[in-house]
Amino acid sequence: MATFTSSLPDELLDTLAKMARELKMPKNKLIEKVLQHYFEQIEKTQYANSFKRAANDPEMLELAEEGIEDWFRILEELENE
């Protein structure tokens, strides 16, 4: 595990110390968990935004419509077997 040194505002450090005491957790572990959670939220937001962009992309909509047509065709073929 690597060591990381940084400066933070006093108010943020006070909050970190308080939360670490309340949670009975070392500050470095709390920072680790908070960063992991934050990065997960960023990834979820990026994922959701990619769907929003795709929804507004005519080419993607065309691909999706073609895909759903194929799906319905496959379902009809299975029903007729």
PDB file of N, CA and C in Angstrom:
ATOM      1  N   MET A   1       0.847  -1.158   0.000  1.00  0.00           N
ATOM      2  CA  MET A   1       0.000   0.000   0.000  1.00  0.00           C
ATOM      3  C   MET A   1       0.901   1.233   0.000  1.00  0.00           C
ATOM      4  N   ALA A   2       0.566   2.186  -0.838  1.00  0.00           N
ATOM      5  CA  ALA A   2       1.352   3.414  -0.955  1.00  0.00           C
ATOM      6  C   ALA A   2       0.919   4.438   0.086  1.00  0.00           C
ATOM      7  N   THR A   3       1.816   5.355   0.376  1.00  0.00           N
ATOM      8  CA  THR A   3       1.524   6.450   1.292  1.00  0.00           C
ATOM      9  C   THR A   3       1.207   7.689   0.474  1.00  0.00           C
ATOM     10  N   PHE A   4       0.183   8.422   0.915  1.00  0.00           N
ATOM     11  CA  PHE A   4      -0.261   9.631   0.229  1.00  0.00           C
ATOM     12  C   PHE A   4      -0.320  10.759   1.247  1.00  0.00           C
ATOM     13  N   THR A   5       0.263  11.894   0.923  1.00  0.00           N
ATOM     14  CA  THR A   5       0.252  13.043   1.814  1.00  0.00           C
ATOM     15  C   THR A   5      -0.462  14.184   1.111  1.00  0.00           C
ATOM     16  N   SER A   6      -1.343  14.854   1.843  1.00  0.00           N
ATOM     17  CA  SER A   6      -2.098  15.947   1.249  1.00  0.00           C
ATOM     18  C   SER A   6      -2.443  16.978   2.313  1.00  0.00           C
ATOM     19  N   SER A   7      -2.770  18.166   1.883  1.00  0.00           N
ATOM     20  CA  SER A   7      -3.250  19.218   2.775  1.00  0.00           C
ATOM     21  C   SER A   7      -4.749  19.363   2.576  1.00  0.00           C
ATOM     22  N   LEU A   8      -5.457  19.538   3.678  1.00  0.00           N
ATOM     23  CA  LEU A   8      -6.901  19.732   3.632  1.00  0.00           C
ATOM     24  C   LEU A   8      -7.264  20.916   4.522  1.00  0.00           C
ATOM     25  N   PRO A   9      -8.375  21.567   4.235  1.00  0.00           N
ATOM     26  CA  PRO A   9      -8.803  22.673   5.097  1.00  0.00           C
ATOM     27  C   PRO A   9      -9.042  22.173   6.525  1.00  0.00           C
ATOM     28  N   ASP A  10      -8.755  23.040   7.487  1.00  0.00           N
ATOM     29  CA  ASP A  10      -8.914  22.672   8.900  1.00  0.00           C
ATOM     30  C   ASP A  10     -10.318  22.176   9.209  1.00  0.00           C
ATOM     31  N   GLU A  11     -11.310  22.835   8.666  1.00  0.00           N
ATOM     32  CA  GLU A  11     -12.704  22.442   8.922  1.00  0.00           C
ATOM     33  C   GLU A  11     -12.968  21.009   8.463  1.00  0.00           C
ATOM     34  N   LEU A  12     -12.433  20.655   7.295  1.00  0.00           N
ATOM     35  CA  LEU A  12     -12.607  19.303   6.779  1.00  0.00           C
ATOM     36  C   LEU A  12     -11.859  18.285   7.646  1.00  0.00           C
ATOM     37  N   LEU A  13     -10.675  18.638   8.073  1.00  0.00           N
ATOM     38  CA  LEU A  13      -9.918  17.745   8.961  1.00  0.00           C
ATOM     39  C   LEU A  13     -10.630  17.555  10.299  1.00  0.00           C
ATOM     40  N   ASP A  14     -11.244  18.624  10.822  1.00  0.00           N
ATOM     41  CA  ASP A  14     -12.011  18.507  12.065  1.00  0.00           C
ATOM     42  C   ASP A  14     -13.183  17.558  11.883  1.00  0.00           C
ATOM     43  N   THR A  15     -13.879  17.696  10.760  1.00  0.00           N
ATOM     44  CA  THR A  15     -15.015  16.813  10.473  1.00  0.00           C
ATOM     45  C   THR A  15     -14.542  15.374  10.322  1.00  0.00           C
ATOM     46  N   LEU A  16     -13.429  15.178   9.638  1.00  0.00           N
ATOM     47  CA  LEU A  16     -12.859  13.839   9.467  1.00  0.00           C
ATOM     48  C   LEU A  16     -12.545  13.220  10.826  1.00  0.00           C
ATOM     49  N   ALA A  17     -11.894  13.977  11.696  1.00  0.00           N
ATOM     50  CA  ALA A  17     -11.533  13.459  13.019  1.00  0.00           C
ATOM     51  C   ALA A  17     -12.785  13.111  13.823  1.00  0.00           C
ATOM     52  N   LYS A  18     -13.790  13.981  13.762  1.00  0.00           N
ATOM     53  CA  LYS A  18     -15.041  13.744  14.496  1.00  0.00           C
ATOM     54  C   LYS A  18     -15.738  12.482  13.995  1.00  0.00           C
ATOM     55  N   MET A  19     -15.850  12.352  12.683  1.00  0.00           N
ATOM     56  CA  MET A  19     -16.530  11.182  12.113  1.00  0.00           C
ATOM     57  C   MET A  19     -15.762   9.898  12.405  1.00  0.00           C
ATOM     58  N   ALA A  20     -14.466   9.964  12.333  1.00  0.00           N
ATOM     59  CA  ALA A  20     -13.636   8.789  12.624  1.00  0.00           C
ATOM     60  C   ALA A  20     -13.847   8.341  14.071  1.00  0.00           C
ATOM     61  N   ARG A  21     -13.922   9.303  14.982  1.00  0.00           N
ATOM     62  CA  ARG A  21     -14.180   8.951  16.393  1.00  0.00           C
ATOM     63  C   ARG A  21     -15.568   8.325  16.541  1.00  0.00           C
ATOM     64  N   GLU A  22     -16.574   8.954  15.921  1.00  0.00           N
ATOM     65  CA  GLU A  22     -17.949   8.453  16.036  1.00  0.00           C
ATOM     66  C   GLU A  22     -18.082   7.045  15.469  1.00  0.00           C
ATOM     67  N   LEU A  23     -17.397   6.800  14.375  1.00  0.00           N
ATOM     68  CA  LEU A  23     -17.479   5.491  13.716  1.00  0.00           C
ATOM     69  C   LEU A  23     -16.463   4.495  14.262  1.00  0.00           C
ATOM     70  N   LYS A  24     -15.617   4.974  15.199  1.00  0.00           N
ATOM     71  CA  LYS A  24     -14.559   4.129  15.771  1.00  0.00           C
ATOM     72  C   LYS A  24     -13.719   3.491  14.661  1.00  0.00           C
ATOM     73  N   MET A  25     -13.242   4.365  13.779  1.00  0.00           N
ATOM     74  CA  MET A  25     -12.520   3.926  12.597  1.00  0.00           C
ATOM     75  C   MET A  25     -11.308   4.839  12.410  1.00  0.00           C
ATOM     76  N   PRO A  26     -10.166   4.297  12.031  1.00  0.00           N
ATOM     77  CA  PRO A  26      -9.021   5.162  11.741  1.00  0.00           C
ATOM     78  C   PRO A  26      -9.343   6.128  10.594  1.00  0.00           C
ATOM     79  N   LYS A  27      -8.783   7.303  10.664  1.00  0.00           N
ATOM     80  CA  LYS A  27      -9.066   8.318   9.637  1.00  0.00           C
ATOM     81  C   LYS A  27      -8.694   7.830   8.239  1.00  0.00           C
ATOM     82  N   ASN A  28      -7.567   7.124   8.128  1.00  0.00           N
ATOM     83  CA  ASN A  28      -7.168   6.667   6.791  1.00  0.00           C
ATOM     84  C   ASN A  28      -8.175   5.667   6.217  1.00  0.00           C
ATOM     85  N   LYS A  29      -8.762   4.819   7.074  1.00  0.00           N
ATOM     86  CA  LYS A  29      -9.769   3.861   6.588  1.00  0.00           C
ATOM     87  C   LYS A  29     -11.051   4.585   6.196  1.00  0.00           C
ATOM     88  N   LEU A  30     -11.405   5.617   6.956  1.00  0.00           N
ATOM     89  CA  LEU A  30     -12.590   6.401   6.617  1.00  0.00           C
ATOM     90  C   LEU A  30     -12.394   7.109   5.284  1.00  0.00           C
ATOM     91  N   ILE A  31     -11.232   7.704   5.088  1.00  0.00           N
ATOM     92  CA  ILE A  31     -10.937   8.356   3.806  1.00  0.00           C
ATOM     93  C   ILE A  31     -11.004   7.338   2.671  1.00  0.00           C
ATOM     94  N   GLU A  32     -10.448   6.159   2.891  1.00  0.00           N
ATOM     95  CA  GLU A  32     -10.476   5.102   1.871  1.00  0.00           C
ATOM     96  C   GLU A  32     -11.911   4.746   1.498  1.00  0.00           C
ATOM     97  N   LYS A  33     -12.764   4.537   2.515  1.00  0.00           N
ATOM     98  CA  LYS A  33     -14.154   4.171   2.242  1.00  0.00           C
ATOM     99  C   LYS A  33     -14.913   5.292   1.544  1.00  0.00           C
ATOM    100  N   VAL A  34     -14.675   6.519   1.989  1.00  0.00           N
ATOM    101  CA  VAL A  34     -15.349   7.664   1.383  1.00  0.00           C
ATOM    102  C   VAL A  34     -14.939   7.813  -0.076  1.00  0.00           C
ATOM    103  N   LEU A  35     -13.658   7.672  -0.366  1.00  0.00           N
ATOM    104  CA  LEU A  35     -13.186   7.774  -1.746  1.00  0.00           C
ATOM    105  C   LEU A  35     -13.757   6.657  -2.611  1.00  0.00           C
ATOM    106  N   GLN A  36     -13.779   5.431  -2.087  1.00  0.00           N
ATOM    107  CA  GLN A  36     -14.356   4.317  -2.846  1.00  0.00           C
ATOM    108  C   GLN A  36     -15.813   4.602  -3.183  1.00  0.00           C
ATOM    109  N   HIS A  37     -16.567   5.058  -2.190  1.00  0.00           N
ATOM    110  CA  HIS A  37     -17.983   5.370  -2.405  1.00  0.00           C
ATOM    111  C   HIS A  37     -18.129   6.494  -3.436  1.00  0.00           C
ATOM    112  N   TYR A  38     -17.313   7.521  -3.319  1.00  0.00           N
ATOM    113  CA  TYR A  38     -17.375   8.645  -4.249  1.00  0.00           C
ATOM    114  C   TYR A  38     -17.076   8.197  -5.684  1.00  0.00           C
ATOM    115  N   PHE A  39     -16.050   7.384  -5.852  1.00  0.00           N
ATOM    116  CA  PHE A  39     -15.706   6.901  -7.190  1.00  0.00           C
ATOM    117  C   PHE A  39     -16.813   6.014  -7.763  1.00  0.00           C
ATOM    118  N   GLU A  40     -17.444   5.202  -6.926  1.00  0.00           N
ATOM    119  CA  GLU A  40     -18.573   4.386  -7.379  1.00  0.00           C
ATOM    120  C   GLU A  40     -19.716   5.274  -7.864  1.00  0.00           C
ATOM    121  N   GLN A  41     -19.977   6.357  -7.142  1.00  0.00           N
ATOM    122  CA  GLN A  41     -21.035   7.281  -7.543  1.00  0.00           C
ATOM    123  C   GLN A  41     -20.700   7.959  -8.871  1.00  0.00           C
ATOM    124  N   ILE A  42     -19.438   8.312  -9.064  1.00  0.00           N
ATOM    125  CA  ILE A  42     -19.022   8.907 -10.331  1.00  0.00           C
ATOM    126  C   ILE A  42     -19.257   7.917 -11.468  1.00  0.00           C
ATOM    127  N   GLU A  43     -18.874   6.653 -11.271  1.00  0.00           N
ATOM    128  CA  GLU A  43     -19.062   5.639 -12.309  1.00  0.00           C
ATOM    129  C   GLU A  43     -20.543   5.451 -12.626  1.00  0.00           C
ATOM    130  N   LYS A  44     -21.385   5.417 -11.599  1.00  0.00           N
ATOM    131  CA  LYS A  44     -22.829   5.276 -11.823  1.00  0.00           C
ATOM    132  C   LYS A  44     -23.376   6.458 -12.609  1.00  0.00           C
ATOM    133  N   THR A  45     -22.915   7.647 -12.268  1.00  0.00           N
ATOM    134  CA  THR A  45     -23.366   8.848 -12.980  1.00  0.00           C
ATOM    135  C   THR A  45     -22.912   8.814 -14.433  1.00  0.00           C
ATOM    136  N   GLN A  46     -21.669   8.417 -14.656  1.00  0.00           N
ATOM    137  CA  GLN A  46     -21.170   8.315 -16.033  1.00  0.00           C
ATOM    138  C   GLN A  46     -21.963   7.282 -16.827  1.00  0.00           C
ATOM    139  N   TYR A  47     -22.290   6.166 -16.186  1.00  0.00           N
ATOM    140  CA  TYR A  47     -23.070   5.117 -16.841  1.00  0.00           C
ATOM    141  C   TYR A  47     -24.451   5.647 -17.215  1.00  0.00           C
ATOM    142  N   ALA A  48     -25.109   6.323 -16.266  1.00  0.00           N
ATOM    143  CA  ALA A  48     -26.438   6.890 -16.538  1.00  0.00           C
ATOM    144  C   ALA A  48     -26.359   7.937 -17.640  1.00  0.00           C
ATOM    145  N   ASN A  49     -25.330   8.775 -17.609  1.00  0.00           N
ATOM    146  CA  ASN A  49     -25.178   9.791 -18.653  1.00  0.00           C
ATOM    147  C   ASN A  49     -24.954   9.180 -20.023  1.00  0.00           C
ATOM    148  N   SER A  50     -24.267   8.034 -20.075  1.00  0.00           N
ATOM    149  CA  SER A  50     -24.050   7.393 -21.371  1.00  0.00           C
ATOM    150  C   SER A  50     -25.380   6.928 -21.966  1.00  0.00           C
ATOM    151  N   PHE A  51     -26.302   6.472 -21.118  1.00  0.00           N
ATOM    152  CA  PHE A  51     -27.624   6.085 -21.604  1.00  0.00           C
ATOM    153  C   PHE A  51     -28.406   7.307 -22.070  1.00  0.00           C
ATOM    154  N   LYS A  52     -28.269   8.422 -21.356  1.00  0.00           N
ATOM    155  CA  LYS A  52     -28.953   9.650 -21.769  1.00  0.00           C
ATOM    156  C   LYS A  52     -28.439  10.116 -23.122  1.00  0.00           C
ATOM    157  N   ARG A  53     -27.111  10.042 -23.303  1.00  0.00           N
ATOM    158  CA  ARG A  53     -26.544  10.434 -24.607  1.00  0.00           C
ATOM    159  C   ARG A  53     -27.024   9.489 -25.704  1.00  0.00           C
ATOM    160  N   ALA A  54     -27.070   8.203 -25.404  1.00  0.00           N
ATOM    161  CA  ALA A  54     -27.508   7.224 -26.403  1.00  0.00           C
ATOM    162  C   ALA A  54     -28.964   7.455 -26.771  1.00  0.00           C
ATOM    163  N   ALA A  55     -29.778   7.861 -25.798  1.00  0.00           N
ATOM    164  CA  ALA A  55     -31.199   8.100 -26.063  1.00  0.00           C
ATOM    165  C   ALA A  55     -31.401   9.262 -27.023  1.00  0.00           C
ATOM    166  N   ASN A  56     -30.460  10.157 -27.088  1.00  0.00           N
ATOM    167  CA  ASN A  56     -30.563  11.313 -27.978  1.00  0.00           C
ATOM    168  C   ASN A  56     -29.769  11.142 -29.266  1.00  0.00           C
ATOM    169  N   ASP A  57     -29.191   9.974 -29.456  1.00  0.00           N
ATOM    170  CA  ASP A  57     -28.379   9.699 -30.636  1.00  0.00           C
ATOM    171  C   ASP A  57     -29.227   8.935 -31.645  1.00  0.00           C
ATOM    172  N   PRO A  58     -29.572   9.562 -32.776  1.00  0.00           N
ATOM    173  CA  PRO A  58     -30.432   8.897 -33.770  1.00  0.00           C
ATOM    174  C   PRO A  58     -29.874   7.554 -34.246  1.00  0.00           C
ATOM    175  N   GLU A  59     -28.561   7.462 -34.367  1.00  0.00           N
ATOM    176  CA  GLU A  59     -27.944   6.212 -34.816  1.00  0.00           C
ATOM    177  C   GLU A  59     -28.148   5.099 -33.784  1.00  0.00           C
ATOM    178  N   MET A  60     -27.999   5.430 -32.511  1.00  0.00           N
ATOM    179  CA  MET A  60     -28.215   4.442 -31.449  1.00  0.00           C
ATOM    180  C   MET A  60     -29.676   4.019 -31.386  1.00  0.00           C
ATOM    181  N   LEU A  61     -30.579   4.987 -31.560  1.00  0.00           N
ATOM    182  CA  LEU A  61     -32.012   4.652 -31.553  1.00  0.00           C
ATOM    183  C   LEU A  61     -32.351   3.705 -32.705  1.00  0.00           C
ATOM    184  N   GLU A  62     -31.762   3.958 -33.853  1.00  0.00           N
ATOM    185  CA  GLU A  62     -31.991   3.081 -35.008  1.00  0.00           C
ATOM    186  C   GLU A  62     -31.485   1.665 -34.730  1.00  0.00           C
ATOM    187  N   LEU A  63     -30.298   1.566 -34.132  1.00  0.00           N
ATOM    188  CA  LEU A  63     -29.764   0.251 -33.777  1.00  0.00           C
ATOM    189  C   LEU A  63     -30.668  -0.467 -32.781  1.00  0.00           C
ATOM    190  N   ALA A  64     -31.168   0.268 -31.796  1.00  0.00           N
ATOM    191  CA  ALA A  64     -32.052  -0.331 -30.796  1.00  0.00           C
ATOM    192  C   ALA A  64     -33.351  -0.805 -31.433  1.00  0.00           C
ATOM    193  N   GLU A  65     -33.901   0.003 -32.338  1.00  0.00           N
ATOM    194  CA  GLU A  65     -35.137  -0.388 -33.008  1.00  0.00           C
ATOM    195  C   GLU A  65     -34.925  -1.615 -33.872  1.00  0.00           C
ATOM    196  N   GLU A  66     -33.810  -1.689 -34.561  1.00  0.00           N
ATOM    197  CA  GLU A  66     -33.497  -2.872 -35.357  1.00  0.00           C
ATOM    198  C   GLU A  66     -33.357  -4.086 -34.459  1.00  0.00           C
ATOM    199  N   GLY A  67     -32.739  -3.904 -33.311  1.00  0.00           N
ATOM    200  CA  GLY A  67     -32.560  -5.005 -32.371  1.00  0.00           C
ATOM    201  C   GLY A  67     -33.882  -5.509 -31.831  1.00  0.00           C
ATOM    202  N   ILE A  68     -34.806  -4.605 -31.527  1.00  0.00           N
ATOM    203  CA  ILE A  68     -36.100  -5.027 -30.992  1.00  0.00           C
ATOM    204  C   ILE A  68     -36.910  -5.734 -32.077  1.00  0.00           C
ATOM    205  N   GLU A  69     -36.769  -5.312 -33.315  1.00  0.00           N
ATOM    206  CA  GLU A  69     -37.447  -5.999 -34.417  1.00  0.00           C
ATOM    207  C   GLU A  69     -36.933  -7.431 -34.532  1.00  0.00           C
ATOM    208  N   ASP A  70     -35.627  -7.616 -34.425  1.00  0.00           N
ATOM    209  CA  ASP A  70     -35.054  -8.959 -34.460  1.00  0.00           C
ATOM    210  C   ASP A  70     -35.569  -9.799 -33.299  1.00  0.00           C
ATOM    211  N   TRP A  71     -35.668  -9.192 -32.115  1.00  0.00           N
ATOM    212  CA  TRP A  71     -36.153  -9.895 -30.937  1.00  0.00           C
ATOM    213  C   TRP A  71     -37.598 -10.375 -31.142  1.00  0.00           C
ATOM    214  N   PHE A  72     -38.445  -9.501 -31.673  1.00  0.00           N
ATOM    215  CA  PHE A  72     -39.838  -9.889 -31.930  1.00  0.00           C
ATOM    216  C   PHE A  72     -39.911 -11.007 -32.973  1.00  0.00           C
ATOM    217  N   ARG A  73     -39.049 -10.933 -33.984  1.00  0.00           N
ATOM    218  CA  ARG A  73     -39.024 -11.977 -35.017  1.00  0.00           C
ATOM    219  C   ARG A  73     -38.642 -13.320 -34.397  1.00  0.00           C
ATOM    220  N   ILE A  74     -37.647 -13.319 -33.530  1.00  0.00           N
ATOM    221  CA  ILE A  74     -37.205 -14.547 -32.868  1.00  0.00           C
ATOM    222  C   ILE A  74     -38.330 -15.105 -31.995  1.00  0.00           C
ATOM    223  N   LEU A  75     -39.017 -14.224 -31.273  1.00  0.00           N
ATOM    224  CA  LEU A  75     -40.135 -14.677 -30.421  1.00  0.00           C
ATOM    225  C   LEU A  75     -41.246 -15.303 -31.262  1.00  0.00           C
ATOM    226  N   GLU A  76     -41.560 -14.677 -32.382  1.00  0.00           N
ATOM    227  CA  GLU A  76     -42.602 -15.226 -33.276  1.00  0.00           C
ATOM    228  C   GLU A  76     -42.188 -16.594 -33.804  1.00  0.00           C
ATOM    229  N   GLU A  77     -40.923 -16.739 -34.165  1.00  0.00           N
ATOM    230  CA  GLU A  77     -40.434 -18.016 -34.665  1.00  0.00           C
ATOM    231  C   GLU A  77     -40.529 -19.090 -33.574  1.00  0.00           C
ATOM    232  N   LEU A  78     -40.221 -18.742 -32.369  1.00  0.00           N
ATOM    233  CA  LEU A  78     -40.307 -19.696 -31.266  1.00  0.00           C
ATOM    234  C   LEU A  78     -41.754 -20.087 -30.987  1.00  0.00           C
ATOM    235  N   GLU A  79     -42.655 -19.149 -31.088  1.00  0.00           N
ATOM    236  CA  GLU A  79     -44.076 -19.441 -30.870  1.00  0.00           C
ATOM    237  C   GLU A  79     -44.625 -20.375 -31.944  1.00  0.00           C
ATOM    238  N   ASN A  80     -44.102 -20.272 -33.167  1.00  0.00           N
ATOM    239  CA  ASN A  80     -44.603 -21.060 -34.279  1.00  0.00           C
ATOM    240  C   ASN A  80     -43.982 -22.456 -34.356  1.00  0.00           C
ATOM    241  N   GLU A  81     -43.045 -22.751 -33.478  1.00  0.00           N
ATOM    242  CA  GLU A  81     -42.385 -24.073 -33.515  1.00  0.00           C
ATOM    243  C   GLU A  81     -43.284 -25.127 -32.921  1.00  0.00           C
TER     244      GLU A  81
END
